[in-house]
Amino acid sequence: MFDPSGEKHQLAGFDARERGFNRPVEFLRTSSGYQATMRYESARIVAPETPGTAEALQQLILLLQQQGYTQLRSQQSYRDGIYLGSQELWVDYPDRPAETEVGIWGLLKKWFGHGPD
């Protein structure tokens, strides 16, 4: 059975199609820790269980970055069920480095100016 933790964050950035978004992230207490969850369009994104909420948020960020989300940042909006408004600072998460293509295909894309530098 899931139990809300009383902590929420706002998560903002760009999705894989480069559209801006700002969504709440909730933390669910599980039998062995916490999970961070976020709804985006018709998807519900759930991070793996971790010992604490900070680790759960990091796992959610990693999961989103693996799906092509960029320029992610978060701000805590609730602590122990108390609304914080905009009191907390935004935390930025650096984008993952782009994977470079190798082999002849990668060389051709780079040569014609369509690949990474």
N, C-alpha and C. Protein backbone atom coordinates (compact mmCIF):
# COMPACT_ATOMS: atom_id res chain seq x y z
N MET A 1 0.84 -1.19 0.00
CA MET A 1 0.00 0.00 0.00
C MET A 1 0.88 1.24 0.00
N PHE A 2 0.57 2.19 -0.84
CA PHE A 2 1.33 3.42 -0.93
C PHE A 2 0.77 4.46 0.02
N ASP A 3 1.68 5.28 0.56
CA ASP A 3 1.32 6.31 1.52
C ASP A 3 2.04 7.58 1.10
N PRO A 4 1.35 8.72 0.93
CA PRO A 4 2.03 9.96 0.56
C PRO A 4 3.02 10.37 1.65
N SER A 5 4.14 10.94 1.25
CA SER A 5 5.18 11.31 2.21
C SER A 5 4.99 12.69 2.81
N GLY A 6 4.12 13.52 2.25
CA GLY A 6 3.99 14.90 2.73
C GLY A 6 4.98 15.84 2.09
N GLU A 7 5.76 15.35 1.13
CA GLU A 7 6.73 16.16 0.42
C GLU A 7 6.36 16.17 -1.06
N LYS A 8 6.42 17.36 -1.67
CA LYS A 8 6.17 17.50 -3.11
C LYS A 8 7.19 18.48 -3.69
N HIS A 9 7.48 18.31 -4.96
CA HIS A 9 8.37 19.20 -5.70
C HIS A 9 7.68 19.58 -7.00
N GLN A 10 8.08 20.70 -7.57
CA GLN A 10 7.72 21.05 -8.94
C GLN A 10 8.91 20.68 -9.80
N LEU A 11 8.66 20.09 -10.95
CA LEU A 11 9.72 19.72 -11.88
C LEU A 11 9.42 20.40 -13.21
N ALA A 12 10.39 21.14 -13.72
CA ALA A 12 10.23 21.86 -14.98
C ALA A 12 11.36 21.50 -15.92
N GLY A 13 11.12 21.69 -17.21
CA GLY A 13 12.13 21.43 -18.22
C GLY A 13 11.48 21.29 -19.58
N PHE A 14 12.15 20.52 -20.44
CA PHE A 14 11.66 20.28 -21.80
C PHE A 14 11.54 18.79 -22.02
N ASP A 15 10.44 18.36 -22.65
CA ASP A 15 10.26 16.95 -22.94
C ASP A 15 11.07 16.55 -24.17
N ALA A 16 10.96 15.31 -24.57
CA ALA A 16 11.74 14.80 -25.70
C ALA A 16 11.39 15.49 -27.02
N ARG A 17 10.20 16.11 -27.09
CA ARG A 17 9.82 16.84 -28.30
C ARG A 17 10.09 18.34 -28.16
N GLU A 18 10.88 18.70 -27.13
CA GLU A 18 11.32 20.07 -26.87
C GLU A 18 10.18 21.01 -26.51
N ARG A 19 9.16 20.46 -25.84
CA ARG A 19 8.06 21.28 -25.33
C ARG A 19 8.28 21.51 -23.84
N GLY A 20 8.12 22.75 -23.40
CA GLY A 20 8.29 23.07 -22.00
C GLY A 20 7.19 22.47 -21.14
N PHE A 21 7.53 22.11 -19.91
CA PHE A 21 6.54 21.58 -18.99
C PHE A 21 6.90 21.97 -17.56
N ASN A 22 5.91 21.92 -16.68
CA ASN A 22 6.08 22.15 -15.26
C ASN A 22 5.02 21.27 -14.57
N ARG A 23 5.47 20.25 -13.84
CA ARG A 23 4.56 19.29 -13.23
C ARG A 23 4.94 19.03 -11.78
N PRO A 24 3.94 18.69 -10.95
CA PRO A 24 4.25 18.30 -9.56
C PRO A 24 4.82 16.89 -9.51
N VAL A 25 5.76 16.68 -8.59
CA VAL A 25 6.32 15.36 -8.31
C VAL A 25 5.89 15.01 -6.89
N GLU A 26 5.30 13.85 -6.75
CA GLU A 26 4.88 13.37 -5.44
C GLU A 26 5.78 12.21 -5.03
N PHE A 27 5.93 12.05 -3.73
CA PHE A 27 6.74 10.96 -3.19
C PHE A 27 5.82 10.03 -2.42
N LEU A 28 5.90 8.76 -2.74
CA LEU A 28 5.08 7.75 -2.08
C LEU A 28 5.96 6.92 -1.16
N ARG A 29 5.51 6.75 0.05
CA ARG A 29 6.21 5.90 1.00
C ARG A 29 5.81 4.46 0.69
N THR A 30 6.79 3.60 0.54
CA THR A 30 6.55 2.19 0.26
C THR A 30 7.06 1.37 1.44
N SER A 31 6.96 0.09 1.33
CA SER A 31 7.40 -0.78 2.42
C SER A 31 8.91 -0.70 2.65
N SER A 32 9.67 -0.33 1.61
CA SER A 32 11.13 -0.30 1.76
C SER A 32 11.75 1.06 1.43
N GLY A 33 10.97 2.12 1.36
CA GLY A 33 11.54 3.44 1.08
C GLY A 33 10.56 4.38 0.44
N TYR A 34 10.99 5.02 -0.67
CA TYR A 34 10.18 6.02 -1.35
C TYR A 34 10.27 5.85 -2.86
N GLN A 35 9.22 6.30 -3.53
CA GLN A 35 9.20 6.38 -4.98
C GLN A 35 8.74 7.77 -5.37
N ALA A 36 9.38 8.36 -6.38
CA ALA A 36 8.95 9.64 -6.94
C ALA A 36 8.05 9.34 -8.13
N THR A 37 6.92 10.05 -8.23
CA THR A 37 5.99 9.85 -9.34
C THR A 37 5.63 11.20 -9.95
N MET A 38 5.40 11.17 -11.26
CA MET A 38 5.02 12.37 -11.98
C MET A 38 4.07 11.96 -13.10
N ARG A 39 3.06 12.76 -13.32
CA ARG A 39 2.16 12.56 -14.47
C ARG A 39 2.53 13.56 -15.55
N TYR A 40 2.62 13.06 -16.78
CA TYR A 40 2.89 13.94 -17.91
C TYR A 40 2.07 13.44 -19.08
N GLU A 41 1.14 14.27 -19.53
CA GLU A 41 0.17 13.89 -20.54
C GLU A 41 -0.53 12.62 -20.08
N SER A 42 -0.52 11.57 -20.86
CA SER A 42 -1.23 10.36 -20.45
C SER A 42 -0.34 9.37 -19.68
N ALA A 43 0.92 9.72 -19.49
CA ALA A 43 1.86 8.80 -18.83
C ALA A 43 2.00 9.11 -17.34
N ARG A 44 2.19 8.06 -16.58
CA ARG A 44 2.54 8.19 -15.17
C ARG A 44 3.94 7.62 -15.04
N ILE A 45 4.90 8.46 -14.69
CA ILE A 45 6.29 8.05 -14.62
C ILE A 45 6.63 7.79 -13.16
N VAL A 46 7.14 6.59 -12.88
CA VAL A 46 7.43 6.17 -11.52
C VAL A 46 8.89 5.74 -11.44
N ALA A 47 9.62 6.35 -10.51
CA ALA A 47 11.02 6.00 -10.31
C ALA A 47 11.12 4.75 -9.44
N PRO A 48 12.23 4.04 -9.52
CA PRO A 48 12.41 2.87 -8.65
C PRO A 48 12.46 3.29 -7.17
N GLU A 49 12.20 2.33 -6.29
CA GLU A 49 12.25 2.60 -4.86
C GLU A 49 13.67 2.92 -4.42
N THR A 50 13.78 3.88 -3.50
CA THR A 50 15.05 4.28 -2.91
C THR A 50 14.85 4.48 -1.41
N PRO A 51 15.95 4.58 -0.65
CA PRO A 51 15.80 4.78 0.80
C PRO A 51 15.19 6.13 1.19
N GLY A 52 15.42 7.18 0.41
CA GLY A 52 14.93 8.50 0.78
C GLY A 52 14.33 9.26 -0.40
N THR A 53 13.69 10.40 -0.09
CA THR A 53 13.04 11.19 -1.14
C THR A 53 14.05 11.84 -2.08
N ALA A 54 15.20 12.27 -1.56
CA ALA A 54 16.22 12.90 -2.42
C ALA A 54 16.71 11.91 -3.48
N GLU A 55 16.94 10.68 -3.06
CA GLU A 55 17.40 9.66 -4.01
C GLU A 55 16.29 9.32 -5.01
N ALA A 56 15.05 9.31 -4.55
CA ALA A 56 13.92 9.02 -5.45
C ALA A 56 13.81 10.10 -6.53
N LEU A 57 14.00 11.36 -6.13
CA LEU A 57 13.96 12.45 -7.11
C LEU A 57 15.10 12.30 -8.11
N GLN A 58 16.29 11.95 -7.64
CA GLN A 58 17.43 11.74 -8.55
C GLN A 58 17.13 10.62 -9.55
N GLN A 59 16.50 9.55 -9.09
CA GLN A 59 16.15 8.44 -9.98
C GLN A 59 15.12 8.86 -11.03
N LEU A 60 14.17 9.70 -10.62
CA LEU A 60 13.18 10.21 -11.57
C LEU A 60 13.85 11.09 -12.62
N ILE A 61 14.75 11.96 -12.18
CA ILE A 61 15.50 12.82 -13.12
C ILE A 61 16.27 11.97 -14.11
N LEU A 62 16.97 10.96 -13.63
CA LEU A 62 17.74 10.08 -14.50
C LEU A 62 16.84 9.37 -15.51
N LEU A 63 15.71 8.88 -15.04
CA LEU A 63 14.75 8.21 -15.91
C LEU A 63 14.24 9.14 -17.01
N LEU A 64 13.92 10.37 -16.64
CA LEU A 64 13.44 11.35 -17.63
C LEU A 64 14.54 11.71 -18.62
N GLN A 65 15.76 11.89 -18.14
CA GLN A 65 16.86 12.22 -19.04
C GLN A 65 17.11 11.09 -20.02
N GLN A 66 16.97 9.85 -19.59
CA GLN A 66 17.13 8.71 -20.49
C GLN A 66 16.06 8.70 -21.57
N GLN A 67 14.91 9.33 -21.29
CA GLN A 67 13.82 9.40 -22.25
C GLN A 67 13.89 10.67 -23.10
N GLY A 68 14.96 11.47 -22.96
CA GLY A 68 15.16 12.64 -23.81
C GLY A 68 14.74 13.96 -23.21
N TYR A 69 14.35 14.00 -21.94
CA TYR A 69 14.00 15.26 -21.29
C TYR A 69 15.28 16.04 -20.99
N THR A 70 15.22 17.37 -21.13
CA THR A 70 16.41 18.21 -20.93
C THR A 70 16.09 19.43 -20.07
N GLN A 71 17.15 20.09 -19.64
CA GLN A 71 17.08 21.33 -18.85
C GLN A 71 16.15 21.18 -17.65
N LEU A 72 16.26 20.05 -16.96
CA LEU A 72 15.39 19.77 -15.83
C LEU A 72 15.83 20.55 -14.60
N ARG A 73 14.83 21.00 -13.84
CA ARG A 73 15.09 21.67 -12.57
C ARG A 73 13.90 21.42 -11.66
N SER A 74 14.17 21.43 -10.35
CA SER A 74 13.10 21.16 -9.40
C SER A 74 13.12 22.19 -8.28
N GLN A 75 11.95 22.31 -7.64
CA GLN A 75 11.79 23.21 -6.51
C GLN A 75 10.85 22.52 -5.52
N GLN A 76 11.26 22.43 -4.26
CA GLN A 76 10.39 21.82 -3.27
C GLN A 76 9.23 22.77 -2.98
N SER A 77 8.00 22.23 -3.04
CA SER A 77 6.82 23.06 -2.83
C SER A 77 6.05 22.68 -1.56
N TYR A 78 6.23 21.47 -1.05
CA TYR A 78 5.61 21.02 0.20
C TYR A 78 6.65 20.30 1.05
N ARG A 79 6.66 20.56 2.34
CA ARG A 79 7.51 19.82 3.28
C ARG A 79 6.65 19.49 4.49
N ASP A 80 6.57 18.22 4.82
CA ASP A 80 5.74 17.75 5.94
C ASP A 80 4.29 18.22 5.79
N GLY A 81 3.81 18.28 4.54
CA GLY A 81 2.44 18.68 4.27
C GLY A 81 2.20 20.18 4.31
N ILE A 82 3.23 20.98 4.53
CA ILE A 82 3.10 22.44 4.61
C ILE A 82 3.54 23.06 3.29
N TYR A 83 2.67 23.91 2.72
CA TYR A 83 2.96 24.57 1.44
C TYR A 83 4.06 25.60 1.63
N LEU A 84 5.08 25.54 0.79
CA LEU A 84 6.23 26.44 0.88
C LEU A 84 6.19 27.58 -0.12
N GLY A 85 5.27 27.54 -1.08
CA GLY A 85 5.22 28.58 -2.11
C GLY A 85 6.51 28.56 -2.92
N SER A 86 7.10 29.72 -3.10
CA SER A 86 8.35 29.84 -3.86
C SER A 86 9.54 30.12 -2.94
N GLN A 87 9.45 29.69 -1.69
CA GLN A 87 10.52 29.96 -0.73
C GLN A 87 11.82 29.22 -1.06
N GLU A 88 11.70 28.01 -1.60
CA GLU A 88 12.87 27.20 -1.88
C GLU A 88 13.48 27.58 -3.23
N LEU A 89 14.79 27.43 -3.33
CA LEU A 89 15.48 27.71 -4.60
C LEU A 89 15.27 26.57 -5.58
N TRP A 90 15.33 26.90 -6.87
CA TRP A 90 15.28 25.89 -7.92
C TRP A 90 16.63 25.18 -7.96
N VAL A 91 16.62 23.89 -8.18
CA VAL A 91 17.83 23.08 -8.32
C VAL A 91 17.90 22.62 -9.78
N ASP A 92 19.00 22.95 -10.46
CA ASP A 92 19.19 22.56 -11.85
C ASP A 92 19.93 21.23 -11.94
N TYR A 93 19.55 20.42 -12.91
CA TYR A 93 20.19 19.12 -13.15
C TYR A 93 20.82 19.16 -14.53
N PRO A 94 22.15 19.04 -14.60
CA PRO A 94 22.82 19.12 -15.91
C PRO A 94 22.34 18.01 -16.84
N ASP A 95 22.20 18.35 -18.10
CA ASP A 95 21.81 17.37 -19.11
C ASP A 95 22.91 16.33 -19.25
N ARG A 96 22.48 15.15 -19.62
CA ARG A 96 23.45 14.08 -19.90
C ARG A 96 24.16 14.40 -21.21
N PRO A 97 25.44 14.07 -21.30
CA PRO A 97 26.13 14.31 -22.57
C PRO A 97 25.50 13.50 -23.70
N ALA A 98 25.43 14.11 -24.87
CA ALA A 98 24.86 13.43 -26.03
C ALA A 98 25.77 12.27 -26.43
N GLU A 99 25.13 11.16 -26.77
CA GLU A 99 25.90 10.01 -27.23
C GLU A 99 26.30 10.23 -28.68
N THR A 100 27.56 10.03 -28.95
CA THR A 100 28.04 10.22 -30.32
C THR A 100 27.92 8.90 -31.09
N GLU A 101 27.54 9.03 -32.33
CA GLU A 101 27.44 7.84 -33.18
C GLU A 101 28.83 7.50 -33.68
N VAL A 102 29.08 6.22 -33.79
CA VAL A 102 30.37 5.75 -34.27
C VAL A 102 30.19 5.01 -35.57
N GLY A 103 31.29 4.69 -36.18
CA GLY A 103 31.25 3.95 -37.42
C GLY A 103 31.05 4.87 -38.61
N ILE A 104 30.80 4.29 -39.73
CA ILE A 104 30.68 5.03 -40.98
C ILE A 104 29.49 5.98 -40.95
N TRP A 105 28.36 5.54 -40.33
CA TRP A 105 27.17 6.40 -40.27
C TRP A 105 27.48 7.67 -39.47
N GLY A 106 28.14 7.53 -38.34
CA GLY A 106 28.51 8.69 -37.53
C GLY A 106 29.45 9.62 -38.27
N LEU A 107 30.41 9.07 -38.99
CA LEU A 107 31.35 9.90 -39.76
C LEU A 107 30.63 10.65 -40.88
N LEU A 108 29.72 9.98 -41.57
CA LEU A 108 28.97 10.65 -42.64
C LEU A 108 28.11 11.78 -42.10
N LYS A 109 27.43 11.56 -40.97
CA LYS A 109 26.59 12.60 -40.38
C LYS A 109 27.45 13.79 -39.94
N LYS A 110 28.60 13.50 -39.36
CA LYS A 110 29.48 14.58 -38.93
C LYS A 110 30.03 15.34 -40.14
N TRP A 111 30.40 14.61 -41.18
CA TRP A 111 30.97 15.23 -42.36
C TRP A 111 29.96 16.14 -43.06
N PHE A 112 28.69 15.72 -43.08
CA PHE A 112 27.65 16.53 -43.71
C PHE A 112 27.02 17.54 -42.76
N GLY A 113 27.56 17.64 -41.55
CA GLY A 113 27.11 18.68 -40.62
C GLY A 113 25.84 18.39 -39.87
N HIS A 114 25.43 17.11 -39.78
CA HIS A 114 24.19 16.78 -39.06
C HIS A 114 24.46 16.05 -37.76
N GLY A 115 25.69 15.90 -37.40
CA GLY A 115 26.01 15.15 -36.18
C GLY A 115 26.64 16.05 -35.14
N PRO A 116 26.96 15.50 -33.98
CA PRO A 116 27.61 16.27 -32.92
C PRO A 116 29.02 16.66 -33.32
N ASP A 117 29.50 17.71 -32.73
CA ASP A 117 30.87 18.17 -33.04
C ASP A 117 31.90 17.33 -32.36
